[in-house]
């Protein structure tokens, strides 16, 4: 199973042309999601299954053979992960409001397609909860993460944490009660794709709903 993030012209027929091109290489499209739209083009995520014996790079060649189409990211993707998980995690947060921060943290790799996530204290970097692939440390260094009182994203250089490679990170504060609670959600990707405005908007929205 692979995930492709594709930029394509925002006009009738473009999506069908990309799907047809993938089909000629034997790809079985499991799901498609519109990630973002700009004037004149759109960014879509395709989750596809590639048959044995087919080189995944052939999908990139097929897509980019269409005028105006660019493959922004291409990677293995865990089978069984849904492309639309916001509603499911919101339902669980609503049913268990006292655990909303933990629920969103644990669901973040699926919801935002990241390698790992962690909830940290904004004042000292103490790790409150984390997913299985997150660094097994008691605290994350606050300096490289930048501001944690508003949604944002930064690129962490190689060695930002001893033994850890460069990563793309998005952060947002949890809007929680009591007012003394000062934690933030940290999302991390290795190798891309870059976080885009619509993803930061979703991150801001979901963290605000944990109060």
Protein backbone atom coordinates (compact mmCIF):
# COMPACT_ATOMS: atom_id res chain seq x y z
CA UNK A 1 0.00 0.00 0.00
CA UNK A 2 1.30 3.46 -0.95
CA UNK A 3 0.22 7.04 -0.39
CA UNK A 4 0.76 9.59 -3.17
CA UNK A 5 0.22 13.31 -2.69
CA UNK A 6 -0.40 14.80 -6.12
CA UNK A 7 -0.82 18.38 -7.33
CA UNK A 8 -3.04 18.56 -10.40
CA UNK A 9 -4.88 21.21 -12.42
CA UNK A 10 -8.25 22.07 -10.85
CA UNK A 11 -10.35 21.43 -13.92
CA UNK A 12 -12.80 18.74 -15.06
CA UNK A 13 -11.13 15.51 -16.08
CA UNK A 14 -7.84 15.97 -14.23
CA UNK A 15 -8.68 13.58 -11.40
CA UNK A 16 -9.95 10.97 -13.84
CA UNK A 17 -6.81 11.29 -15.94
CA UNK A 18 -4.58 10.66 -12.92
CA UNK A 19 -6.69 7.68 -11.83
CA UNK A 20 -6.57 6.24 -15.36
CA UNK A 21 -2.79 6.68 -15.52
CA UNK A 22 -2.38 4.78 -12.26
CA UNK A 23 -4.71 2.07 -13.52
CA UNK A 24 -2.53 1.50 -16.56
CA UNK A 25 0.24 0.52 -14.16
CA UNK A 26 -1.99 -1.93 -12.32
CA UNK A 27 -2.60 0.26 -9.26
CA UNK A 28 -5.81 -0.29 -7.31
CA UNK A 29 -6.95 3.04 -5.83
CA UNK A 30 -8.36 2.44 -2.35
CA UNK A 31 -9.26 6.03 -1.45
CA UNK A 32 -8.87 9.62 -2.64
CA UNK A 33 -9.00 12.76 -0.52
CA UNK A 34 -8.82 16.41 -1.56
CA UNK A 35 -6.21 17.90 0.77
CA UNK A 36 -6.19 21.48 -0.43
CA UNK A 37 -7.31 23.71 -3.29
CA UNK A 38 -5.64 26.81 -4.67
CA UNK A 39 -6.58 28.98 -7.60
CA UNK A 40 -6.08 26.79 -10.61
CA UNK A 41 -4.93 23.57 -8.97
CA UNK A 42 -5.69 21.05 -6.25
CA UNK A 43 -3.67 18.77 -3.99
CA UNK A 44 -5.09 15.24 -3.63
CA UNK A 45 -3.99 12.21 -1.63
CA UNK A 46 -4.31 8.80 -3.27
CA UNK A 47 -4.03 5.59 -1.25
CA UNK A 48 -3.20 2.84 -3.73
CA UNK A 49 -2.35 -0.82 -3.70
CA UNK A 50 0.35 -1.89 -6.14
CA UNK A 51 0.50 -5.52 -7.35
CA UNK A 52 3.62 -7.58 -6.85
CA UNK A 53 6.09 -7.12 -9.66
CA UNK A 54 5.08 -3.52 -10.38
CA UNK A 55 7.72 -0.93 -9.61
CA UNK A 56 6.15 1.84 -7.49
CA UNK A 57 8.22 4.40 -9.40
CA UNK A 58 6.11 3.55 -12.43
CA UNK A 59 3.20 5.32 -10.73
CA UNK A 60 5.20 8.53 -10.51
CA UNK A 61 6.14 8.31 -14.18
CA UNK A 62 2.53 7.64 -15.14
CA UNK A 63 1.22 10.61 -13.14
CA UNK A 64 3.84 13.09 -14.24
CA UNK A 65 3.27 12.19 -17.89
CA UNK A 66 0.01 14.18 -17.60
CA UNK A 67 0.55 17.90 -18.31
CA UNK A 68 0.43 20.01 -15.15
CA UNK A 69 0.58 17.07 -12.71
CA UNK A 70 3.29 16.86 -10.05
CA UNK A 71 3.84 14.11 -7.46
CA UNK A 72 4.65 15.90 -4.20
CA UNK A 73 5.19 12.84 -2.03
CA UNK A 74 5.23 9.09 -2.39
CA UNK A 75 5.71 6.59 0.41
CA UNK A 76 4.63 3.27 1.89
CA UNK A 77 1.43 3.61 3.90
CA UNK A 78 0.18 1.29 6.70
CA UNK A 79 -2.65 -0.83 5.35
CA UNK A 80 -5.93 -0.32 7.14
CA UNK A 81 -5.42 3.35 7.96
CA UNK A 82 -8.33 5.42 6.76
CA UNK A 83 -7.87 8.67 4.90
CA UNK A 84 -10.76 10.38 6.69
CA UNK A 85 -10.44 9.98 10.44
CA UNK A 86 -11.43 13.42 11.77
CA UNK A 87 -15.05 12.48 12.41
CA UNK A 88 -14.13 9.26 14.18
CA UNK A 89 -11.68 10.94 16.53
CA UNK A 90 -14.11 13.79 17.22
CA UNK A 91 -16.81 11.29 18.17
CA UNK A 92 -14.44 9.55 20.57
CA UNK A 93 -13.31 12.87 22.08
CA UNK A 94 -16.94 13.89 22.59
CA UNK A 95 -17.80 10.62 24.29
CA UNK A 96 -14.73 10.80 26.56
CA UNK A 97 -14.04 14.53 27.16
CA UNK A 98 -11.75 13.89 30.13
CA UNK A 99 -9.45 11.88 27.86
CA UNK A 100 -9.73 14.11 24.78
CA UNK A 101 -6.05 15.17 24.72
CA UNK A 102 -4.84 11.57 25.02
CA UNK A 103 -7.32 10.38 22.39
CA UNK A 104 -6.20 13.00 19.86
CA UNK A 105 -2.51 12.36 20.56
CA UNK A 106 -2.85 8.62 20.03
CA UNK A 107 -4.97 9.07 16.90
CA UNK A 108 -2.74 11.76 15.37
CA UNK A 109 -0.56 9.43 13.23
CA UNK A 110 -3.73 8.24 11.47
CA UNK A 111 -5.54 11.58 11.36
CA UNK A 112 -2.56 13.63 10.13
CA UNK A 113 -0.44 10.92 8.45
CA UNK A 114 2.62 11.50 10.59
CA UNK A 115 5.25 9.13 11.98
CA UNK A 116 4.62 9.98 15.61
CA UNK A 117 2.93 12.39 17.98
CA UNK A 118 3.44 13.55 21.54
CA UNK A 119 1.64 15.72 24.06
CA UNK A 120 4.13 17.85 25.96
CA UNK A 121 4.11 20.49 28.64
CA UNK A 122 4.73 23.85 26.94
CA UNK A 123 6.72 25.19 29.89
CA UNK A 124 9.38 22.51 30.25
CA UNK A 125 8.95 19.98 27.41
CA UNK A 126 7.83 17.18 29.72
CA UNK A 127 6.24 14.36 27.73
CA UNK A 128 2.70 13.74 28.98
CA UNK A 129 1.73 11.12 26.39
CA UNK A 130 3.20 9.82 23.15
CA UNK A 131 2.68 7.31 20.38
CA UNK A 132 4.79 4.19 20.00
CA UNK A 133 7.29 5.63 17.48
CA UNK A 134 7.94 8.86 19.40
CA UNK A 135 11.26 9.40 21.19
CA UNK A 136 11.41 7.46 24.44
CA UNK A 137 12.49 10.42 26.53
CA UNK A 138 11.00 12.23 29.52
CA UNK A 139 11.30 15.66 27.87
CA UNK A 140 11.57 17.09 24.38
CA UNK A 141 13.88 20.08 23.82
CA UNK A 142 11.73 23.20 23.54
CA UNK A 143 14.19 25.37 21.62
CA UNK A 144 14.04 23.54 18.27
CA UNK A 145 10.23 23.31 18.40
CA UNK A 146 9.75 27.08 18.28
CA UNK A 147 6.59 28.74 19.59
CA UNK A 148 4.08 26.39 21.17
CA UNK A 149 1.34 28.90 21.99
CA UNK A 150 0.00 28.96 18.41
CA UNK A 151 -0.14 26.44 15.55
CA UNK A 152 3.01 26.33 13.45
CA UNK A 153 5.55 24.11 11.76
CA UNK A 154 9.34 23.90 11.80
CA UNK A 155 12.06 21.76 10.26
CA UNK A 156 14.24 20.05 12.85
CA UNK A 157 17.87 19.60 11.88
CA UNK A 158 19.70 16.28 12.10
CA UNK A 159 20.61 15.64 15.73
CA UNK A 160 17.88 17.91 17.18
CA UNK A 161 17.59 15.10 19.71
CA UNK A 162 20.62 12.83 20.15
CA UNK A 163 20.37 9.99 17.64
CA UNK A 164 17.35 11.43 15.80
CA UNK A 165 17.39 12.54 12.13
CA UNK A 166 15.93 15.70 10.65
CA UNK A 167 12.15 15.88 10.78
CA UNK A 168 9.24 18.11 9.84
CA UNK A 169 7.21 19.06 12.89
CA UNK A 170 3.84 20.75 13.37
CA UNK A 171 2.67 21.95 16.78
CA UNK A 172 -0.46 23.43 18.33
CA UNK A 173 -1.53 24.22 21.90
CA UNK A 174 -4.35 22.28 23.49
CA UNK A 175 -7.23 24.56 24.54
CA UNK A 176 -7.97 22.77 27.76
CA UNK A 177 -9.46 23.46 31.13
CA UNK A 178 -8.36 24.30 33.75
CA UNK A 179 -6.66 27.44 32.50
CA UNK A 180 -3.43 26.36 34.22
CA UNK A 181 -3.09 23.46 31.76
CA UNK A 182 -0.37 24.38 29.28
CA UNK A 183 0.22 21.45 26.96
CA UNK A 184 0.76 21.17 23.22
CA UNK A 185 0.48 18.52 20.55
CA UNK A 186 3.62 17.77 18.52
CA UNK A 187 3.36 15.97 15.15
CA UNK A 188 6.45 14.68 13.35
CA UNK A 189 7.13 13.47 9.82
CA UNK A 190 10.34 12.03 8.48
CA UNK A 191 11.01 12.80 4.84
CA UNK A 192 7.84 14.77 4.06
CA UNK A 193 5.50 15.88 2.83
CA UNK A 194 5.62 19.41 4.20
CA UNK A 195 2.70 20.47 6.36
CA UNK A 196 0.33 22.67 4.39
CA UNK A 197 -2.15 25.33 5.48
CA UNK A 198 -5.18 23.08 5.47
CA UNK A 199 -3.44 20.57 7.74
CA UNK A 200 -2.49 23.30 10.21
CA UNK A 201 -6.10 24.51 10.15
CA UNK A 202 -7.34 21.01 10.98
CA UNK A 203 -4.73 20.72 13.72
CA UNK A 204 -5.84 24.04 15.22
CA UNK A 205 -9.49 23.01 15.02
CA UNK A 206 -9.06 19.60 16.64
CA UNK A 207 -6.81 20.79 19.47
CA UNK A 208 -9.29 23.59 20.22
CA UNK A 209 -12.07 21.04 20.62
CA UNK A 210 -10.37 19.24 23.50
CA UNK A 211 -11.53 21.85 26.05
